[in-house]
N, C-alpha and C. Protein backbone atom coordinates (compact mmCIF):
# COMPACT_ATOMS: atom_id res chain seq x y z
N MET A 1 -70.41 -2.24 -7.23
CA MET A 1 -69.19 -2.86 -6.74
C MET A 1 -69.32 -4.37 -6.94
N ARG A 2 -68.26 -4.97 -7.37
CA ARG A 2 -68.25 -6.40 -7.61
C ARG A 2 -68.23 -7.16 -6.29
N LEU A 3 -68.62 -8.40 -6.37
CA LEU A 3 -68.65 -9.27 -5.21
C LEU A 3 -67.26 -9.42 -4.59
N SER A 4 -66.23 -9.52 -5.43
CA SER A 4 -64.87 -9.67 -4.91
C SER A 4 -64.44 -8.42 -4.13
N GLY A 5 -64.88 -7.24 -4.57
CA GLY A 5 -64.57 -6.01 -3.85
C GLY A 5 -65.24 -5.96 -2.50
N ILE A 6 -66.47 -6.44 -2.45
CA ILE A 6 -67.21 -6.48 -1.18
C ILE A 6 -66.54 -7.46 -0.22
N VAL A 7 -66.11 -8.59 -0.74
CA VAL A 7 -65.43 -9.59 0.09
C VAL A 7 -64.14 -9.01 0.67
N VAL A 8 -63.38 -8.31 -0.15
CA VAL A 8 -62.13 -7.70 0.31
C VAL A 8 -62.43 -6.67 1.39
N LEU A 9 -63.44 -5.84 1.19
CA LEU A 9 -63.81 -4.84 2.19
C LEU A 9 -64.24 -5.50 3.50
N MET A 10 -64.99 -6.57 3.40
CA MET A 10 -65.42 -7.30 4.61
C MET A 10 -64.22 -7.87 5.35
N ILE A 11 -63.27 -8.42 4.63
CA ILE A 11 -62.07 -8.99 5.26
C ILE A 11 -61.27 -7.89 5.96
N VAL A 12 -61.09 -6.76 5.29
CA VAL A 12 -60.37 -5.64 5.90
C VAL A 12 -61.10 -5.15 7.14
N PHE A 13 -62.41 -5.03 7.06
CA PHE A 13 -63.21 -4.59 8.20
C PHE A 13 -63.05 -5.56 9.37
N LEU A 14 -63.18 -6.85 9.13
CA LEU A 14 -63.06 -7.85 10.20
C LEU A 14 -61.67 -7.87 10.81
N MET A 15 -60.65 -7.70 9.99
CA MET A 15 -59.29 -7.66 10.52
C MET A 15 -59.09 -6.42 11.39
N SER A 16 -59.64 -5.29 10.98
CA SER A 16 -59.55 -4.06 11.77
C SER A 16 -60.29 -4.20 13.09
N LEU A 17 -61.45 -4.81 13.04
CA LEU A 17 -62.23 -5.04 14.25
C LEU A 17 -61.49 -5.96 15.21
N ALA A 18 -60.91 -7.02 14.71
CA ALA A 18 -60.15 -7.95 15.54
C ALA A 18 -58.95 -7.26 16.19
N ALA A 19 -58.27 -6.42 15.44
CA ALA A 19 -57.12 -5.68 15.97
C ALA A 19 -57.57 -4.72 17.06
N ALA A 20 -58.67 -4.02 16.84
CA ALA A 20 -59.19 -3.08 17.84
C ALA A 20 -59.59 -3.81 19.12
N LEU A 21 -60.22 -4.95 18.98
CA LEU A 21 -60.62 -5.73 20.16
C LEU A 21 -59.40 -6.25 20.92
N ALA A 22 -58.36 -6.63 20.21
CA ALA A 22 -57.14 -7.11 20.85
C ALA A 22 -56.48 -5.99 21.64
N VAL A 23 -56.46 -4.78 21.10
CA VAL A 23 -55.89 -3.64 21.80
C VAL A 23 -56.73 -3.31 23.03
N ALA A 24 -58.04 -3.34 22.89
CA ALA A 24 -58.92 -3.05 24.02
C ALA A 24 -58.70 -4.07 25.14
N GLU A 25 -58.52 -5.32 24.80
CA GLU A 25 -58.29 -6.36 25.79
C GLU A 25 -56.96 -6.15 26.49
N GLN A 26 -55.94 -5.72 25.77
CA GLN A 26 -54.62 -5.50 26.36
C GLN A 26 -54.63 -4.34 27.34
N ASN A 27 -55.45 -3.34 27.14
CA ASN A 27 -55.44 -2.14 27.96
C ASN A 27 -56.35 -2.22 29.18
N LYS A 28 -56.77 -3.39 29.57
CA LYS A 28 -57.69 -3.52 30.69
C LYS A 28 -57.02 -3.36 32.04
N GLY A 29 -55.71 -3.41 32.10
CA GLY A 29 -55.05 -3.31 33.39
C GLY A 29 -55.09 -4.63 34.12
N ALA A 30 -54.65 -4.61 35.35
CA ALA A 30 -54.58 -5.84 36.15
C ALA A 30 -55.97 -6.36 36.49
N GLU A 31 -56.08 -7.67 36.58
CA GLU A 31 -57.35 -8.28 36.97
C GLU A 31 -57.65 -7.98 38.44
N GLN A 32 -56.65 -8.06 39.26
CA GLN A 32 -56.76 -7.82 40.69
C GLN A 32 -55.70 -6.81 41.09
N MET A 33 -56.03 -5.85 41.94
CA MET A 33 -55.08 -4.84 42.39
C MET A 33 -55.13 -4.76 43.91
N GLU A 34 -54.10 -4.20 44.49
CA GLU A 34 -54.12 -3.88 45.91
C GLU A 34 -53.83 -2.40 46.03
N LEU A 35 -54.81 -1.67 46.55
CA LEU A 35 -54.69 -0.22 46.68
C LEU A 35 -54.17 0.14 48.07
N GLU A 36 -53.38 1.19 48.13
CA GLU A 36 -52.85 1.66 49.40
C GLU A 36 -54.03 2.21 50.19
N GLY A 37 -54.17 1.77 51.44
CA GLY A 37 -55.33 2.16 52.23
C GLY A 37 -55.02 2.91 53.49
N GLY A 38 -53.84 3.50 53.58
CA GLY A 38 -53.49 4.30 54.75
C GLY A 38 -53.37 3.46 56.00
N THR A 39 -53.74 4.05 57.13
CA THR A 39 -53.57 3.38 58.42
C THR A 39 -54.53 2.21 58.61
N ARG A 40 -55.58 2.15 57.83
CA ARG A 40 -56.54 1.05 57.95
C ARG A 40 -56.09 -0.21 57.23
N GLY A 41 -55.02 -0.11 56.46
CA GLY A 41 -54.50 -1.27 55.75
C GLY A 41 -54.86 -1.25 54.28
N PRO A 42 -54.22 -2.12 53.51
CA PRO A 42 -54.45 -2.15 52.06
C PRO A 42 -55.87 -2.60 51.70
N VAL A 43 -56.24 -2.26 50.48
CA VAL A 43 -57.58 -2.60 49.97
C VAL A 43 -57.43 -3.48 48.74
N PRO A 44 -57.80 -4.77 48.85
CA PRO A 44 -57.81 -5.61 47.65
C PRO A 44 -58.92 -5.10 46.73
N PHE A 45 -58.60 -4.94 45.46
CA PHE A 45 -59.56 -4.36 44.52
C PHE A 45 -59.73 -5.25 43.30
N PRO A 46 -60.92 -5.84 43.13
CA PRO A 46 -61.19 -6.69 41.96
C PRO A 46 -61.45 -5.84 40.71
N HIS A 47 -60.38 -5.37 40.09
CA HIS A 47 -60.44 -4.45 38.96
C HIS A 47 -61.26 -5.00 37.80
N ARG A 48 -60.96 -6.22 37.39
CA ARG A 48 -61.66 -6.79 36.23
C ARG A 48 -63.15 -6.95 36.51
N GLN A 49 -63.51 -7.32 37.72
CA GLN A 49 -64.92 -7.45 38.08
C GLN A 49 -65.63 -6.11 37.93
N HIS A 50 -64.99 -5.03 38.34
CA HIS A 50 -65.58 -3.71 38.19
C HIS A 50 -65.71 -3.33 36.71
N GLN A 51 -64.69 -3.67 35.93
CA GLN A 51 -64.76 -3.38 34.49
C GLN A 51 -65.93 -4.12 33.85
N ASP A 52 -66.09 -5.38 34.21
CA ASP A 52 -67.17 -6.18 33.63
C ASP A 52 -68.54 -5.64 34.04
N ASN A 53 -68.66 -5.19 35.29
CA ASN A 53 -69.95 -4.69 35.78
C ASN A 53 -70.27 -3.29 35.27
N LEU A 54 -69.26 -2.43 35.20
CA LEU A 54 -69.50 -1.03 34.82
C LEU A 54 -69.46 -0.80 33.32
N GLU A 55 -68.57 -1.47 32.62
CA GLU A 55 -68.38 -1.38 31.18
C GLU A 55 -67.87 -0.02 30.70
N ASP A 56 -67.91 0.99 31.53
CA ASP A 56 -67.43 2.32 31.15
C ASP A 56 -66.31 2.71 32.09
N CYS A 57 -65.09 2.71 31.59
CA CYS A 57 -63.91 3.02 32.42
C CYS A 57 -64.02 4.40 33.07
N ASN A 58 -64.68 5.33 32.40
CA ASN A 58 -64.79 6.69 32.93
C ASN A 58 -65.68 6.78 34.15
N ALA A 59 -66.42 5.72 34.46
CA ALA A 59 -67.20 5.72 35.69
C ALA A 59 -66.28 5.94 36.88
N CYS A 60 -65.07 5.42 36.80
CA CYS A 60 -64.06 5.64 37.85
C CYS A 60 -62.96 6.57 37.37
N HIS A 61 -62.50 6.35 36.17
CA HIS A 61 -61.31 7.04 35.70
C HIS A 61 -61.55 8.48 35.24
N ALA A 62 -62.72 9.00 35.40
CA ALA A 62 -62.94 10.43 35.16
C ALA A 62 -62.25 11.22 36.28
N LEU A 63 -62.07 10.58 37.43
CA LEU A 63 -61.45 11.23 38.58
C LEU A 63 -59.94 11.08 38.60
N PHE A 64 -59.42 10.03 37.98
CA PHE A 64 -57.97 9.79 37.95
C PHE A 64 -57.63 9.01 36.68
N PRO A 65 -56.40 9.21 36.16
CA PRO A 65 -56.03 8.56 34.89
C PRO A 65 -55.84 7.05 35.02
N GLN A 66 -55.90 6.38 33.88
CA GLN A 66 -55.73 4.93 33.81
C GLN A 66 -54.25 4.59 33.76
N GLU A 67 -53.60 4.69 34.90
CA GLU A 67 -52.18 4.33 34.97
C GLU A 67 -51.86 3.89 36.39
N ALA A 68 -50.95 2.95 36.50
CA ALA A 68 -50.56 2.43 37.80
C ALA A 68 -50.03 3.56 38.68
N GLY A 69 -50.47 3.60 39.92
CA GLY A 69 -50.00 4.59 40.87
C GLY A 69 -50.62 5.97 40.74
N ALA A 70 -51.63 6.12 39.89
CA ALA A 70 -52.22 7.44 39.63
C ALA A 70 -52.84 8.05 40.88
N ILE A 71 -53.54 7.26 41.67
CA ILE A 71 -54.20 7.81 42.85
C ILE A 71 -53.17 8.32 43.85
N GLY A 72 -52.13 7.53 44.11
CA GLY A 72 -51.07 7.94 45.03
C GLY A 72 -50.36 9.19 44.55
N LYS A 73 -50.11 9.26 43.25
CA LYS A 73 -49.44 10.43 42.68
C LYS A 73 -50.29 11.69 42.85
N LEU A 74 -51.58 11.58 42.58
CA LEU A 74 -52.48 12.73 42.73
C LEU A 74 -52.62 13.15 44.19
N HIS A 75 -52.62 12.17 45.11
CA HIS A 75 -52.63 12.49 46.54
C HIS A 75 -51.38 13.29 46.90
N ALA A 76 -50.23 12.81 46.45
CA ALA A 76 -48.94 13.46 46.77
C ALA A 76 -48.90 14.88 46.21
N GLU A 77 -49.49 15.10 45.05
CA GLU A 77 -49.51 16.43 44.42
C GLU A 77 -50.55 17.35 45.06
N GLY A 78 -51.45 16.77 45.85
CA GLY A 78 -52.52 17.56 46.46
C GLY A 78 -53.70 17.77 45.53
N THR A 79 -53.70 17.13 44.37
CA THR A 79 -54.78 17.26 43.39
C THR A 79 -56.01 16.45 43.78
N LEU A 80 -55.77 15.38 44.51
CA LEU A 80 -56.83 14.47 44.93
C LEU A 80 -56.79 14.38 46.45
N LYS A 81 -57.92 14.59 47.09
CA LYS A 81 -57.97 14.53 48.55
C LYS A 81 -57.98 13.08 49.02
N ARG A 82 -57.46 12.85 50.23
CA ARG A 82 -57.51 11.51 50.80
C ARG A 82 -58.98 11.08 50.91
N GLN A 83 -59.25 9.89 50.63
CA GLN A 83 -60.59 9.28 50.68
C GLN A 83 -61.55 9.80 49.62
N GLN A 84 -61.10 10.69 48.75
CA GLN A 84 -61.99 11.25 47.73
C GLN A 84 -62.51 10.17 46.80
N VAL A 85 -61.64 9.31 46.33
CA VAL A 85 -62.06 8.25 45.41
C VAL A 85 -63.04 7.32 46.12
N MET A 86 -62.66 6.90 47.33
CA MET A 86 -63.49 5.98 48.08
C MET A 86 -64.88 6.56 48.34
N LYS A 87 -64.94 7.82 48.77
CA LYS A 87 -66.24 8.42 49.11
C LYS A 87 -67.06 8.78 47.87
N GLU A 88 -66.42 9.41 46.88
CA GLU A 88 -67.15 9.88 45.71
C GLU A 88 -67.43 8.79 44.70
N GLN A 89 -66.58 7.77 44.66
CA GLN A 89 -66.73 6.74 43.64
C GLN A 89 -67.25 5.43 44.26
N CYS A 90 -66.42 4.81 45.05
CA CYS A 90 -66.69 3.45 45.53
C CYS A 90 -67.97 3.36 46.35
N ILE A 91 -67.96 4.01 47.50
CA ILE A 91 -69.10 3.88 48.41
C ILE A 91 -70.37 4.46 47.79
N ALA A 92 -70.27 5.57 47.10
CA ALA A 92 -71.45 6.17 46.48
C ALA A 92 -72.09 5.21 45.48
N CYS A 93 -71.27 4.56 44.66
CA CYS A 93 -71.79 3.62 43.67
C CYS A 93 -72.37 2.38 44.35
N HIS A 94 -71.66 1.85 45.34
CA HIS A 94 -72.14 0.66 46.04
C HIS A 94 -73.48 0.94 46.74
N ARG A 95 -73.60 2.10 47.37
CA ARG A 95 -74.86 2.46 48.05
C ARG A 95 -76.00 2.64 47.05
N GLU A 96 -75.71 3.25 45.93
CA GLU A 96 -76.74 3.43 44.90
C GLU A 96 -77.23 2.08 44.39
N ASN A 97 -76.30 1.17 44.12
CA ASN A 97 -76.69 -0.17 43.68
C ASN A 97 -77.53 -0.87 44.73
N LYS A 98 -77.15 -0.73 45.99
CA LYS A 98 -77.90 -1.36 47.08
C LYS A 98 -79.32 -0.80 47.14
N ARG A 99 -79.48 0.53 47.04
CA ARG A 99 -80.80 1.17 47.06
C ARG A 99 -81.67 0.67 45.91
N GLU A 100 -81.04 0.42 44.76
CA GLU A 100 -81.78 -0.05 43.58
C GLU A 100 -82.02 -1.54 43.60
N GLY A 101 -81.56 -2.23 44.65
CA GLY A 101 -81.77 -3.67 44.77
C GLY A 101 -80.82 -4.49 43.91
N LYS A 102 -79.74 -3.88 43.45
CA LYS A 102 -78.75 -4.58 42.63
C LYS A 102 -77.66 -5.14 43.54
N ASP A 103 -76.88 -6.07 43.00
CA ASP A 103 -75.70 -6.53 43.72
C ASP A 103 -74.82 -5.32 43.96
N SER A 104 -74.29 -5.24 45.16
CA SER A 104 -73.43 -4.10 45.46
C SER A 104 -72.20 -4.55 46.23
N GLY A 105 -71.22 -3.69 46.22
CA GLY A 105 -70.00 -3.96 46.95
C GLY A 105 -70.11 -3.46 48.37
N PRO A 106 -69.01 -3.53 49.10
CA PRO A 106 -68.99 -3.09 50.50
C PRO A 106 -69.28 -1.60 50.64
N THR A 107 -69.88 -1.25 51.77
CA THR A 107 -70.18 0.16 52.05
C THR A 107 -69.56 0.63 53.37
N LEU A 108 -68.88 -0.26 54.07
CA LEU A 108 -68.21 0.10 55.32
C LEU A 108 -66.70 -0.05 55.16
N CYS A 109 -65.96 0.82 55.81
CA CYS A 109 -64.48 0.82 55.71
C CYS A 109 -63.91 -0.56 56.00
N SER A 110 -64.37 -1.17 57.07
CA SER A 110 -63.81 -2.45 57.51
C SER A 110 -64.08 -3.59 56.53
N GLN A 111 -64.99 -3.40 55.63
CA GLN A 111 -65.29 -4.45 54.66
C GLN A 111 -64.30 -4.49 53.50
N CYS A 112 -63.52 -3.43 53.33
CA CYS A 112 -62.52 -3.37 52.26
C CYS A 112 -61.09 -3.42 52.80
N HIS A 113 -60.81 -2.57 53.78
CA HIS A 113 -59.46 -2.47 54.32
C HIS A 113 -59.11 -3.74 55.09
N GLN A 114 -57.90 -4.21 54.87
CA GLN A 114 -57.44 -5.43 55.56
C GLN A 114 -56.18 -5.11 56.34
N ARG A 115 -56.33 -5.03 57.64
CA ARG A 115 -55.15 -4.76 58.49
C ARG A 115 -54.22 -5.95 58.43
N LYS A 116 -52.94 -5.66 58.39
CA LYS A 116 -51.96 -6.75 58.34
C LYS A 116 -51.37 -7.00 59.69
């Protein structure tokens, strides 16, 4: 293959990579979210911080889809139990990180829920 052909292939590859990275950046969702927290009050959720720390969206989204309102919708359908995400995902992960001596998030209800 000639040098010019290799250059063209490299340019196409780099343009494809840049486009893929741009799409990945667009699909990250909100940087900060507020989750419905029932009678204990809403839960501010640093979404982008979790993405940066976990790097694998399926760490959380294996339990619910990547779309706004998904948790509430699944609760309403009866597909997802109340507190299931918090107990199986949030607190379990935070406690595991704490046991391993890593930075961890809150492990008590009152540390997340904010009564208004």
